[in-house]
Amino acid sequence: MNWRELTSLDQLDEIVERSKSQPVLIFKHSTRCSISAASLNRLERKWDGDKAQNLEAYFLDLIAYRDISNETSAKFGIAHQSPQVLLIQNGECVYDNSHFGISFDELIENIKPVAA
């Protein structure tokens, strides 16, 4: 899988716009947490490019980019967790989960059809 690094606040506005035509995933990762590393590893091992072909994935190192992590929580109205996935569609977070609740299959199941 190919992660795009989320490193600027401007990218959050881009994610909102992009999510109007395709689903966008944000993975919030703590480099200091073994649970975060295990959850990331599990997600990457289960990743199926065919099922996720229209899903754009962003990786947020929340230790290095705490301000972006805080703004992500505020912008999408989601309480901060780490690790955490947010599925963004039509400018809103339609699904989130954290820790060992992060599952590729559940993430895919929560993608809504794009309105024509």
Protein backbone atom coordinates (compact mmCIF):
# COMPACT_ATOMS: atom_id res chain seq x y z
CA MET A 1 0.00 0.00 0.00
CA ASN A 2 1.09 3.55 -0.60
CA TRP A 3 0.76 6.01 2.25
CA ARG A 4 0.67 9.74 1.66
CA GLU A 5 2.22 11.55 4.60
CA LEU A 6 -0.04 14.09 6.29
CA THR A 7 2.39 16.86 7.23
CA SER A 8 0.53 20.16 6.82
CA LEU A 9 -2.74 21.69 7.93
CA ASP A 10 -3.48 22.65 4.30
CA GLN A 11 -3.69 18.96 3.46
CA LEU A 12 -6.75 18.62 5.71
CA ASP A 13 -8.66 20.98 3.40
CA GLU A 14 -7.42 18.96 0.41
CA ILE A 15 -8.65 15.77 2.11
CA VAL A 16 -12.09 17.28 2.64
CA GLU A 17 -12.30 18.23 -1.06
CA ARG A 18 -10.92 14.92 -2.28
CA SER A 19 -13.35 13.00 -0.06
CA LYS A 20 -16.23 14.37 -2.14
CA SER A 21 -15.18 12.14 -5.05
CA GLN A 22 -13.42 9.25 -3.29
CA PRO A 23 -13.07 7.88 0.24
CA VAL A 24 -10.01 9.00 2.20
CA LEU A 25 -8.39 7.16 5.12
CA ILE A 26 -6.34 8.87 7.82
CA PHE A 27 -4.24 6.61 10.06
CA LYS A 28 -3.09 8.45 13.19
CA HIS A 29 0.06 6.74 14.47
CA SER A 30 2.15 7.18 17.59
CA THR A 31 5.77 6.20 17.07
CA ARG A 32 6.08 5.74 20.85
CA CYS A 33 3.32 3.14 21.21
CA SER A 34 3.68 -0.59 20.61
CA ILE A 35 -0.11 -0.97 20.17
CA SER A 36 0.01 1.64 17.42
CA ALA A 37 2.83 -0.23 15.69
CA ALA A 38 0.95 -3.53 15.97
CA SER A 39 -2.28 -2.01 14.63
CA LEU A 40 -0.45 -0.42 11.70
CA ASN A 41 1.29 -3.70 10.91
CA ARG A 42 -1.99 -5.63 11.04
CA LEU A 43 -3.73 -3.12 8.75
CA GLU A 44 -0.89 -3.23 6.23
CA ARG A 45 -0.79 -7.05 6.25
CA LYS A 46 -4.54 -7.27 5.60
CA TRP A 47 -4.55 -4.49 2.98
CA ASP A 48 -6.10 -5.67 -0.29
CA GLY A 49 -5.34 -3.30 -3.13
CA ASP A 50 -8.27 -4.56 -5.20
CA LYS A 51 -10.80 -3.82 -2.45
CA ALA A 52 -9.16 -0.50 -1.61
CA GLN A 53 -8.37 0.70 -5.13
CA ASN A 54 -10.36 3.93 -4.77
CA LEU A 55 -9.30 4.59 -1.17
CA GLU A 56 -6.65 7.25 -0.70
CA ALA A 57 -4.62 6.59 2.47
CA TYR A 58 -2.88 9.23 4.61
CA PHE A 59 -0.43 8.50 7.43
CA LEU A 60 -0.19 10.98 10.30
CA ASP A 61 2.74 10.76 12.73
CA LEU A 62 0.96 12.41 15.63
CA ILE A 63 4.12 12.82 17.69
CA ALA A 64 5.84 14.86 14.97
CA TYR A 65 2.66 16.66 13.89
CA ARG A 66 0.66 17.13 17.08
CA ASP A 67 -0.99 20.31 15.73
CA ILE A 68 -2.33 18.42 12.71
CA SER A 69 -3.56 15.61 14.95
CA ASN A 70 -5.42 18.11 17.15
CA GLU A 71 -6.93 19.88 14.13
CA THR A 72 -7.97 16.53 12.61
CA SER A 73 -9.95 15.71 15.76
CA ALA A 74 -11.53 19.18 15.82
CA LYS A 75 -12.33 19.34 12.10
CA PHE A 76 -14.05 15.96 12.02
CA GLY A 77 -15.56 16.04 15.52
CA ILE A 78 -13.83 12.86 16.66
CA ALA A 79 -12.24 12.34 20.08
CA HIS A 80 -8.48 11.79 19.82
CA GLN A 81 -7.24 8.22 20.06
CA SER A 82 -3.94 6.63 19.15
CA PRO A 83 -3.71 4.64 17.03
CA GLN A 84 -6.84 5.67 15.17
CA VAL A 85 -8.35 5.42 11.69
CA LEU A 86 -10.77 7.95 10.25
CA LEU A 87 -12.70 7.29 7.05
CA ILE A 88 -13.61 10.58 5.40
CA GLN A 89 -16.35 10.88 2.77
CA ASN A 90 -18.17 13.97 1.55
CA GLY A 91 -16.16 16.09 3.97
CA GLU A 92 -17.22 14.13 7.06
CA CYS A 93 -15.84 11.31 9.16
CA VAL A 94 -18.22 8.43 8.43
CA TYR A 95 -16.28 5.83 10.44
CA ASP A 96 -13.54 5.76 13.02
CA ASN A 97 -11.96 3.12 15.20
CA SER A 98 -8.89 2.78 17.37
CA HIS A 99 -6.38 0.40 18.87
CA PHE A 100 -7.12 -3.25 18.09
CA GLY A 101 -10.54 -2.30 16.74
CA ILE A 102 -8.78 -1.18 13.55
CA SER A 103 -9.69 -3.69 10.85
CA PHE A 104 -9.23 -3.51 7.08
CA ASP A 105 -12.42 -5.49 6.42
CA GLU A 106 -14.50 -3.28 8.72
CA LEU A 107 -13.02 -0.18 7.15
CA ILE A 108 -13.99 -1.36 3.65
CA GLU A 109 -17.49 -2.32 4.83
CA ASN A 110 -18.05 1.26 6.00
CA ILE A 111 -17.26 2.93 2.68
CA LYS A 112 -20.45 4.52 1.37
CA PRO A 113 -21.27 4.53 -2.35
CA VAL A 114 -20.30 7.82 -3.98
CA ALA A 115 -23.37 9.80 -5.04
CA ALA A 116 -23.59 10.34 -8.77
